[in-house]
Structures are given as structure tokens and as C-alpha cells.
């Protein structure tokens, strides 16, 4: 199940904020982990810009690394089966 691009774009701020809170990170620390600037994470959370394809892959990888704690977000935003997080359906 794949989320429509329009719906996903509207939900990116929620994804970024939820990911950051679950990891217990500031915007600055999440930015370092994703290889982007603090301003970029801030703009994503405020809905001013959208992550690039490469940034989305980094976010997806971070969720995979979170295992079950990221399973619901992987399913909602990337269509990955939460029962098969390590499976082929979640590969970049």
C-alpha cells in the first residue's frame, strides 16, 4: 500500500516531528544524522519544503534501523509491511 504523493507531502511535517521525538533528538541532532542542515529539518517540520528523494531514503533507513519503534511510520509513509521490516519490501 503506497501513500499518495499529495497526502504524503501534507504529512511530512508530522513524519519528521514524530521521528525526531521518538529518537529523542533536537532538530540539530536529527539534521546531523540525516546529513542535512538544521534549517532543512526546520523547514520540513514547518511544511515549507519537502525532503528530496535522497533525504526520504535516509529517513526510511532511519525508520528501518528503529525496528518495531519505526514500523508504523514505515507502513504509513513508505508502504512497508510492519511484520517484515527487515524484508525486501523495505529496501531502498
PDB file of N, CA and C in Angstrom:
ATOM      1  N   UNK A   1       0.851  -1.177   0.000  1.00  0.00           N
ATOM      2  CA  UNK A   1       0.000   0.000   0.000  1.00  0.00           C
ATOM      3  C   UNK A   1       0.892   1.234   0.000  1.00  0.00           C
ATOM      4  N   UNK A   2       0.736   2.060  -0.976  1.00  0.00           N
ATOM      5  CA  UNK A   2       1.585   3.235  -1.090  1.00  0.00           C
ATOM      6  C   UNK A   2       0.763   4.496  -0.902  1.00  0.00           C
ATOM      7  N   UNK A   3       1.261   5.396  -0.064  1.00  0.00           N
ATOM      8  CA  UNK A   3       0.559   6.642   0.206  1.00  0.00           C
ATOM      9  C   UNK A   3       0.649   7.543  -1.014  1.00  0.00           C
ATOM     10  N   UNK A   4      -0.426   8.233  -1.332  1.00  0.00           N
ATOM     11  CA  UNK A   4      -0.384   9.151  -2.463  1.00  0.00           C
ATOM     12  C   UNK A   4       0.604  10.263  -2.173  1.00  0.00           C
ATOM     13  N   UNK A   5       1.246  10.748  -3.236  1.00  0.00           N
ATOM     14  CA  UNK A   5       2.251  11.789  -3.082  1.00  0.00           C
ATOM     15  C   UNK A   5       1.663  13.038  -2.436  1.00  0.00           C
ATOM     16  N   UNK A   6       0.459  13.422  -2.826  1.00  0.00           N
ATOM     17  CA  UNK A   6      -0.175  14.621  -2.271  1.00  0.00           C
ATOM     18  C   UNK A   6      -0.398  14.448  -0.771  1.00  0.00           C
ATOM     19  N   UNK A   7      -0.935  13.304  -0.362  1.00  0.00           N
ATOM     20  CA  UNK A   7      -1.178  13.063   1.060  1.00  0.00           C
ATOM     21  C   UNK A   7       0.130  13.023   1.828  1.00  0.00           C
ATOM     22  N   UNK A   8       1.133  12.391   1.233  1.00  0.00           N
ATOM     23  CA  UNK A   8       2.425  12.292   1.912  1.00  0.00           C
ATOM     24  C   UNK A   8       3.038  13.678   2.103  1.00  0.00           C
ATOM     25  N   UNK A   9       2.948  14.530   1.091  1.00  0.00           N
ATOM     26  CA  UNK A   9       3.517  15.869   1.205  1.00  0.00           C
ATOM     27  C   UNK A   9       2.884  16.639   2.361  1.00  0.00           C
ATOM     28  N   UNK A  10       1.585  16.481   2.537  1.00  0.00           N
ATOM     29  CA  UNK A  10       0.903  17.171   3.629  1.00  0.00           C
ATOM     30  C   UNK A  10       1.308  16.603   4.979  1.00  0.00           C
ATOM     31  N   UNK A  11       1.757  15.347   4.990  1.00  0.00           N
ATOM     32  CA  UNK A  11       2.067  14.673   6.240  1.00  0.00           C
ATOM     33  C   UNK A  11       3.547  14.690   6.605  1.00  0.00           C
ATOM     34  N   UNK A  12       4.398  15.186   5.728  1.00  0.00           N
ATOM     35  CA  UNK A  12       5.836  15.190   6.001  1.00  0.00           C
ATOM     36  C   UNK A  12       6.167  15.883   7.325  1.00  0.00           C
ATOM     37  N   UNK A  13       5.575  17.028   7.636  1.00  0.00           N
ATOM     38  CA  UNK A  13       5.898  17.634   8.934  1.00  0.00           C
ATOM     39  C   UNK A  13       5.608  16.699  10.113  1.00  0.00           C
ATOM     40  N   UNK A  14       4.532  15.947  10.033  1.00  0.00           N
ATOM     41  CA  UNK A  14       4.193  15.014  11.110  1.00  0.00           C
ATOM     42  C   UNK A  14       5.206  13.880  11.162  1.00  0.00           C
ATOM     43  N   UNK A  15       5.592  13.365   9.991  1.00  0.00           N
ATOM     44  CA  UNK A  15       6.599  12.302   9.943  1.00  0.00           C
ATOM     45  C   UNK A  15       7.905  12.764  10.583  1.00  0.00           C
ATOM     46  N   UNK A  16       8.392  13.916  10.190  1.00  0.00           N
ATOM     47  CA  UNK A  16       9.679  14.405  10.691  1.00  0.00           C
ATOM     48  C   UNK A  16       9.618  14.664  12.193  1.00  0.00           C
ATOM     49  N   UNK A  17       8.564  15.317  12.645  1.00  0.00           N
ATOM     50  CA  UNK A  17       8.425  15.609  14.070  1.00  0.00           C
ATOM     51  C   UNK A  17       8.313  14.319  14.882  1.00  0.00           C
ATOM     52  N   UNK A  18       7.509  13.372  14.411  1.00  0.00           N
ATOM     53  CA  UNK A  18       7.335  12.108  15.126  1.00  0.00           C
ATOM     54  C   UNK A  18       8.641  11.334  15.182  1.00  0.00           C
ATOM     55  N   UNK A  19       9.334  11.254  14.054  1.00  0.00           N
ATOM     56  CA  UNK A  19      10.625  10.571  14.010  1.00  0.00           C
ATOM     57  C   UNK A  19      11.591  11.209  15.006  1.00  0.00           C
ATOM     58  N   UNK A  20      11.685  12.509  14.969  1.00  0.00           N
ATOM     59  CA  UNK A  20      12.608  13.228  15.851  1.00  0.00           C
ATOM     60  C   UNK A  20      12.281  12.990  17.321  1.00  0.00           C
ATOM     61  N   UNK A  21      10.997  13.064  17.671  1.00  0.00           N
ATOM     62  CA  UNK A  21      10.588  12.873  19.068  1.00  0.00           C
ATOM     63  C   UNK A  21      10.861  11.443  19.532  1.00  0.00           C
ATOM     64  N   UNK A  22      10.573  10.464  18.662  1.00  0.00           N
ATOM     65  CA  UNK A  22      10.827   9.066  19.049  1.00  0.00           C
ATOM     66  C   UNK A  22      12.305   8.802  19.274  1.00  0.00           C
ATOM     67  N   UNK A  23      13.140   9.482  18.518  1.00  0.00           N
ATOM     68  CA  UNK A  23      14.581   9.314  18.690  1.00  0.00           C
ATOM     69  C   UNK A  23      15.124  10.175  19.829  1.00  0.00           C
ATOM     70  N   UNK A  24      14.293  11.096  20.331  1.00  0.00           N
ATOM     71  CA  UNK A  24      14.716  11.978  21.415  1.00  0.00           C
ATOM     72  C   UNK A  24      15.781  12.968  20.978  1.00  0.00           C
ATOM     73  N   UNK A  25      15.655  13.445  19.735  1.00  0.00           N
ATOM     74  CA  UNK A  25      16.665  14.332  19.172  1.00  0.00           C
ATOM     75  C   UNK A  25      16.137  15.739  18.931  1.00  0.00           C
ATOM     76  N   UNK A  26      17.035  16.686  19.000  1.00  0.00           N
ATOM     77  CA  UNK A  26      16.715  18.057  18.591  1.00  0.00           C
ATOM     78  C   UNK A  26      16.738  18.097  17.066  1.00  0.00           C
ATOM     79  N   UNK A  27      16.253  19.189  16.502  1.00  0.00           N
ATOM     80  CA  UNK A  27      16.328  19.346  15.051  1.00  0.00           C
ATOM     81  C   UNK A  27      17.786  19.316  14.597  1.00  0.00           C
ATOM     82  N   UNK A  28      18.658  19.920  15.367  1.00  0.00           N
ATOM     83  CA  UNK A  28      20.074  19.957  15.020  1.00  0.00           C
ATOM     84  C   UNK A  28      20.676  18.555  14.971  1.00  0.00           C
ATOM     85  N   UNK A  29      20.362  17.737  15.975  1.00  0.00           N
ATOM     86  CA  UNK A  29      20.936  16.389  16.036  1.00  0.00           C
ATOM     87  C   UNK A  29      20.349  15.478  14.955  1.00  0.00           C
ATOM     88  N   UNK A  30      19.055  15.624  14.668  1.00  0.00           N
ATOM     89  CA  UNK A  30      18.474  14.837  13.580  1.00  0.00           C
ATOM     90  C   UNK A  30      19.106  15.247  12.252  1.00  0.00           C
ATOM     91  N   UNK A  31      19.322  16.529  12.071  1.00  0.00           N
ATOM     92  CA  UNK A  31      19.947  17.023  10.840  1.00  0.00           C
ATOM     93  C   UNK A  31      21.310  16.370  10.626  1.00  0.00           C
ATOM     94  N   UNK A  32      22.110  16.289  11.679  1.00  0.00           N
ATOM     95  CA  UNK A  32      23.430  15.663  11.577  1.00  0.00           C
ATOM     96  C   UNK A  32      23.285  14.199  11.163  1.00  0.00           C
ATOM     97  N   UNK A  33      22.347  13.484  11.781  1.00  0.00           N
ATOM     98  CA  UNK A  33      22.173  12.073  11.468  1.00  0.00           C
ATOM     99  C   UNK A  33      21.699  11.847  10.036  1.00  0.00           C
ATOM    100  N   UNK A  34      20.927  12.785   9.502  1.00  0.00           N
ATOM    101  CA  UNK A  34      20.409  12.637   8.136  1.00  0.00           C
ATOM    102  C   UNK A  34      21.319  13.287   7.098  1.00  0.00           C
ATOM    103  N   UNK A  35      22.338  13.992   7.557  1.00  0.00           N
ATOM    104  CA  UNK A  35      23.270  14.623   6.634  1.00  0.00           C
ATOM    105  C   UNK A  35      22.724  15.864   5.950  1.00  0.00           C
ATOM    106  N   UNK A  36      21.877  16.595   6.691  1.00  0.00           N
ATOM    107  CA  UNK A  36      21.317  17.844   6.169  1.00  0.00           C
ATOM    108  C   UNK A  36      21.540  18.937   7.208  1.00  0.00           C
ATOM    109  N   UNK A  37      21.178  20.157   6.853  1.00  0.00           N
ATOM    110  CA  UNK A  37      21.354  21.264   7.804  1.00  0.00           C
ATOM    111  C   UNK A  37      20.171  21.336   8.774  1.00  0.00           C
ATOM    112  N   UNK A  38      20.421  22.006   9.891  1.00  0.00           N
ATOM    113  CA  UNK A  38      19.347  22.251  10.853  1.00  0.00           C
ATOM    114  C   UNK A  38      18.188  22.977  10.181  1.00  0.00           C
ATOM    115  N   UNK A  39      18.498  23.962   9.327  1.00  0.00           N
ATOM    116  CA  UNK A  39      17.457  24.737   8.655  1.00  0.00           C
ATOM    117  C   UNK A  39      16.580  23.850   7.782  1.00  0.00           C
ATOM    118  N   UNK A  40      17.183  22.836   7.183  1.00  0.00           N
ATOM    119  CA  UNK A  40      16.418  21.915   6.335  1.00  0.00           C
ATOM    120  C   UNK A  40      15.397  21.148   7.164  1.00  0.00           C
ATOM    121  N   UNK A  41      15.827  20.595   8.287  1.00  0.00           N
ATOM    122  CA  UNK A  41      14.894  19.867   9.162  1.00  0.00           C
ATOM    123  C   UNK A  41      13.801  20.807   9.651  1.00  0.00           C
ATOM    124  N   UNK A  42      14.179  22.012  10.010  1.00  0.00           N
ATOM    125  CA  UNK A  42      13.212  23.000  10.470  1.00  0.00           C
ATOM    126  C   UNK A  42      12.174  23.292   9.378  1.00  0.00           C
ATOM    127  N   UNK A  43      12.620  23.450   8.154  1.00  0.00           N
ATOM    128  CA  UNK A  43      11.691  23.717   7.042  1.00  0.00           C
ATOM    129  C   UNK A  43      10.779  22.523   6.772  1.00  0.00           C
ATOM    130  N   UNK A  44      11.308  21.312   6.901  1.00  0.00           N
ATOM    131  CA  UNK A  44      10.473  20.119   6.725  1.00  0.00           C
ATOM    132  C   UNK A  44       9.373  20.090   7.782  1.00  0.00           C
ATOM    133  N   UNK A  45       9.744  20.326   9.032  1.00  0.00           N
ATOM    134  CA  UNK A  45       8.763  20.276  10.117  1.00  0.00           C
ATOM    135  C   UNK A  45       7.712  21.362   9.989  1.00  0.00           C
ATOM    136  N   UNK A  46       8.083  22.495   9.445  1.00  0.00           N
ATOM    137  CA  UNK A  46       7.125  23.593   9.272  1.00  0.00           C
ATOM    138  C   UNK A  46       6.349  23.478   7.958  1.00  0.00           C
ATOM    139  N   UNK A  47       6.677  22.489   7.143  1.00  0.00           N
ATOM    140  CA  UNK A  47       5.962  22.284   5.896  1.00  0.00           C
ATOM    141  C   UNK A  47       6.339  23.262   4.798  1.00  0.00           C
ATOM    142  N   UNK A  48       7.459  23.925   4.953  1.00  0.00           N
ATOM    143  CA  UNK A  48       7.889  24.912   3.951  1.00  0.00           C
ATOM    144  C   UNK A  48       8.576  24.273   2.759  1.00  0.00           C
ATOM    145  N   UNK A  49       9.262  23.138   2.983  1.00  0.00           N
ATOM    146  CA  UNK A  49       9.907  22.401   1.903  1.00  0.00           C
ATOM    147  C   UNK A  49       9.677  20.917   2.112  1.00  0.00           C
ATOM    148  N   UNK A  50       9.970  20.146   1.081  1.00  0.00           N
ATOM    149  CA  UNK A  50       9.830  18.697   1.129  1.00  0.00           C
ATOM    150  C   UNK A  50      11.207  18.052   1.035  1.00  0.00           C
ATOM    151  N   UNK A  51      11.386  16.924   1.697  1.00  0.00           N
ATOM    152  CA  UNK A  51      12.659  16.217   1.570  1.00  0.00           C
ATOM    153  C   UNK A  51      12.877  15.751   0.129  1.00  0.00           C
ATOM    154  N   UNK A  52      14.119  15.768  -0.303  1.00  0.00           N
ATOM    155  CA  UNK A  52      14.480  15.230  -1.615  1.00  0.00           C
ATOM    156  C   UNK A  52      14.326  13.710  -1.575  1.00  0.00           C
ATOM    157  N   UNK A  53      14.435  13.101  -2.738  1.00  0.00           N
ATOM    158  CA  UNK A  53      14.369  11.639  -2.804  1.00  0.00           C
ATOM    159  C   UNK A  53      15.467  11.021  -1.933  1.00  0.00           C
ATOM    160  N   UNK A  54      16.657  11.576  -2.009  1.00  0.00           N
ATOM    161  CA  UNK A  54      17.775  11.075  -1.217  1.00  0.00           C
ATOM    162  C   UNK A  54      17.507  11.230   0.283  1.00  0.00           C
ATOM    163  N   UNK A  55      16.954  12.360   0.678  1.00  0.00           N
ATOM    164  CA  UNK A  55      16.634  12.582   2.086  1.00  0.00           C
ATOM    165  C   UNK A  55      15.542  11.615   2.554  1.00  0.00           C
ATOM    166  N   UNK A  56      14.547  11.368   1.697  1.00  0.00           N
ATOM    167  CA  UNK A  56      13.496  10.406   2.054  1.00  0.00           C
ATOM    168  C   UNK A  56      14.080   9.009   2.255  1.00  0.00           C
ATOM    169  N   UNK A  57      15.068   8.657   1.444  1.00  0.00           N
ATOM    170  CA  UNK A  57      15.714   7.352   1.617  1.00  0.00           C
ATOM    171  C   UNK A  57      16.460   7.290   2.950  1.00  0.00           C
ATOM    172  N   UNK A  58      17.079   8.392   3.350  1.00  0.00           N
ATOM    173  CA  UNK A  58      17.778   8.442   4.643  1.00  0.00           C
ATOM    174  C   UNK A  58      16.779   8.335   5.795  1.00  0.00           C
ATOM    175  N   UNK A  59      15.632   8.981   5.657  1.00  0.00           N
ATOM    176  CA  UNK A  59      14.578   8.905   6.679  1.00  0.00           C
ATOM    177  C   UNK A  59      14.056   7.480   6.761  1.00  0.00           C
ATOM    178  N   UNK A  60      13.814   6.880   5.619  1.00  0.00           N
ATOM    179  CA  UNK A  60      13.337   5.492   5.562  1.00  0.00           C
ATOM    180  C   UNK A  60      14.347   4.559   6.229  1.00  0.00           C
ATOM    181  N   UNK A  61      15.626   4.733   5.941  1.00  0.00           N
ATOM    182  CA  UNK A  61      16.662   3.900   6.547  1.00  0.00           C
ATOM    183  C   UNK A  61      16.689   4.080   8.060  1.00  0.00           C
ATOM    184  N   UNK A  62      16.514   5.303   8.515  1.00  0.00           N
ATOM    185  CA  UNK A  62      16.486   5.567   9.955  1.00  0.00           C
ATOM    186  C   UNK A  62      15.319   4.811  10.603  1.00  0.00           C
ATOM    187  N   UNK A  63      14.159   4.808   9.940  1.00  0.00           N
ATOM    188  CA  UNK A  63      12.997   4.083  10.457  1.00  0.00           C
ATOM    189  C   UNK A  63      13.244   2.576  10.482  1.00  0.00           C
ATOM    190  N   UNK A  64      13.904   2.053   9.455  1.00  0.00           N
ATOM    191  CA  UNK A  64      14.245   0.624   9.421  1.00  0.00           C
ATOM    192  C   UNK A  64      15.153   0.287  10.599  1.00  0.00           C
ATOM    193  N   UNK A  65      16.127   1.140  10.861  1.00  0.00           N
ATOM    194  CA  UNK A  65      17.050   0.921  11.976  1.00  0.00           C
ATOM    195  C   UNK A  65      16.335   0.951  13.324  1.00  0.00           C
ATOM    196  N   UNK A  66      15.218   1.660  13.395  1.00  0.00           N
ATOM    197  CA  UNK A  66      14.454   1.745  14.644  1.00  0.00           C
ATOM    198  C   UNK A  66      13.670   0.470  14.921  1.00  0.00           C
ATOM    199  N   UNK A  67      13.615  -0.439  13.946  1.00  0.00           N
ATOM    200  CA  UNK A  67      12.925  -1.719  14.066  1.00  0.00           C
ATOM    201  C   UNK A  67      11.446  -1.486  14.404  1.00  0.00           C
ATOM    202  N   UNK A  68      10.929  -2.119  15.427  1.00  0.00           N
ATOM    203  CA  UNK A  68       9.494  -2.027  15.727  1.00  0.00           C
ATOM    204  C   UNK A  68       9.041  -0.623  16.111  1.00  0.00           C
ATOM    205  N   UNK A  69       9.925   0.164  16.663  1.00  0.00           N
ATOM    206  CA  UNK A  69       9.547   1.523  17.050  1.00  0.00           C
ATOM    207  C   UNK A  69       9.257   2.407  15.834  1.00  0.00           C
ATOM    208  N   UNK A  70       9.800   2.036  14.686  1.00  0.00           N
ATOM    209  CA  UNK A  70       9.542   2.790  13.464  1.00  0.00           C
ATOM    210  C   UNK A  70       8.591   2.100  12.510  1.00  0.00           C
ATOM    211  N   UNK A  71       8.086   0.917  12.901  1.00  0.00           N
ATOM    212  CA  UNK A  71       7.272   0.096  11.995  1.00  0.00           C
ATOM    213  C   UNK A  71       6.010   0.802  11.509  1.00  0.00           C
ATOM    214  N   UNK A  72       5.310   1.483  12.388  1.00  0.00           N
ATOM    215  CA  UNK A  72       4.070   2.133  11.970  1.00  0.00           C
ATOM    216  C   UNK A  72       4.343   3.261  10.980  1.00  0.00           C
ATOM    217  N   UNK A  73       5.419   3.999  11.185  1.00  0.00           N
ATOM    218  CA  UNK A  73       5.760   5.087  10.272  1.00  0.00           C
ATOM    219  C   UNK A  73       6.227   4.541   8.924  1.00  0.00           C
ATOM    220  N   UNK A  74       6.963   3.432   8.952  1.00  0.00           N
ATOM    221  CA  UNK A  74       7.364   2.797   7.694  1.00  0.00           C
ATOM    222  C   UNK A  74       6.141   2.388   6.880  1.00  0.00           C
ATOM    223  N   UNK A  75       5.156   1.853   7.544  1.00  0.00           N
ATOM    224  CA  UNK A  75       3.938   1.429   6.859  1.00  0.00           C
ATOM    225  C   UNK A  75       3.168   2.631   6.320  1.00  0.00           C
ATOM    226  N   UNK A  76       2.955   3.624   7.160  1.00  0.00           N
ATOM    227  CA  UNK A  76       2.159   4.782   6.759  1.00  0.00           C
ATOM    228  C   UNK A  76       2.781   5.604   5.641  1.00  0.00           C
ATOM    229  N   UNK A  77       4.087   5.798   5.696  1.00  0.00           N
ATOM    230  CA  UNK A  77       4.745   6.703   4.758  1.00  0.00           C
ATOM    231  C   UNK A  77       5.443   6.016   3.593  1.00  0.00           C
ATOM    232  N   UNK A  78       5.807   4.742   3.780  1.00  0.00           N
ATOM    233  CA  UNK A  78       6.560   4.064   2.732  1.00  0.00           C
ATOM    234  C   UNK A  78       5.926   2.754   2.280  1.00  0.00           C
ATOM    235  N   UNK A  79       4.806   2.380   2.880  1.00  0.00           N
ATOM    236  CA  UNK A  79       4.101   1.175   2.473  1.00  0.00           C
ATOM    237  C   UNK A  79       4.785  -0.120   2.848  1.00  0.00           C
ATOM    238  N   UNK A  80       5.705  -0.083   3.804  1.00  0.00           N
ATOM    239  CA  UNK A  80       6.418  -1.284   4.230  1.00  0.00           C
ATOM    240  C   UNK A  80       5.573  -2.067   5.221  1.00  0.00           C
ATOM    241  N   UNK A  81       5.494  -3.362   5.012  1.00  0.00           N
ATOM    242  CA  UNK A  81       4.759  -4.250   5.912  1.00  0.00           C
ATOM    243  C   UNK A  81       5.444  -4.243   7.278  1.00  0.00           C
ATOM    244  N   UNK A  82       4.731  -3.822   8.337  1.00  0.00           N
ATOM    245  CA  UNK A  82       5.366  -3.756   9.664  1.00  0.00           C
ATOM    246  C   UNK A  82       5.829  -5.107  10.185  1.00  0.00           C
ATOM    247  N   UNK A  83       5.290  -6.198   9.649  1.00  0.00           N
ATOM    248  CA  UNK A  83       5.715  -7.531  10.074  1.00  0.00           C
ATOM    249  C   UNK A  83       6.965  -7.987   9.347  1.00  0.00           C
ATOM    250  N   UNK A  84       7.386  -7.214   8.337  1.00  0.00           N
ATOM    251  CA  UNK A  84       8.555  -7.587   7.545  1.00  0.00           C
ATOM    252  C   UNK A  84       9.488  -6.398   7.381  1.00  0.00           C
ATOM    253  N   UNK A  85       9.750  -5.707   8.451  1.00  0.00           N
ATOM    254  CA  UNK A  85      10.603  -4.522   8.391  1.00  0.00           C
ATOM    255  C   UNK A  85      11.943  -4.830   7.749  1.00  0.00           C
ATOM    256  N   UNK A  86      12.526  -5.963   8.076  1.00  0.00           N
ATOM    257  CA  UNK A  86      13.833  -6.313   7.535  1.00  0.00           C
ATOM    258  C   UNK A  86      13.709  -6.965   6.158  1.00  0.00           C
ATOM    259  N   UNK A  87      12.496  -7.130   5.684  1.00  0.00           N
ATOM    260  CA  UNK A  87      12.279  -7.820   4.413  1.00  0.00           C
ATOM    261  C   UNK A  87      12.550  -6.962   3.203  1.00  0.00           C
ATOM    262  N   UNK A  88      12.431  -7.573   2.053  1.00  0.00           N
ATOM    263  CA  UNK A  88      12.715  -6.920   0.783  1.00  0.00           C
ATOM    264  C   UNK A  88      11.799  -5.729   0.510  1.00  0.00           C
ATOM    265  N   UNK A  89      10.581  -5.730   1.062  1.00  0.00           N
ATOM    266  CA  UNK A  89       9.651  -4.653   0.762  1.00  0.00           C
ATOM    267  C   UNK A  89      10.077  -3.310   1.339  1.00  0.00           C
ATOM    268  N   UNK A  90      11.082  -3.308   2.183  1.00  0.00           N
ATOM    269  CA  UNK A  90      11.538  -2.051   2.782  1.00  0.00           C
ATOM    270  C   UNK A  90      12.925  -1.646   2.307  1.00  0.00           C
ATOM    271  N   UNK A  91      13.453  -2.319   1.339  1.00  0.00           N
ATOM    272  CA  UNK A  91      14.775  -1.967   0.830  1.00  0.00           C
ATOM    273  C   UNK A  91      14.709  -0.659   0.095  1.00  0.00           C
ATOM    274  N   UNK A  92      15.762   0.097   0.153  1.00  0.00           N
ATOM    275  CA  UNK A  92      15.838   1.382  -0.544  1.00  0.00           C
ATOM    276  C   UNK A  92      15.854   1.198  -2.040  1.00  0.00           C
TER     277      UNK A  92
END
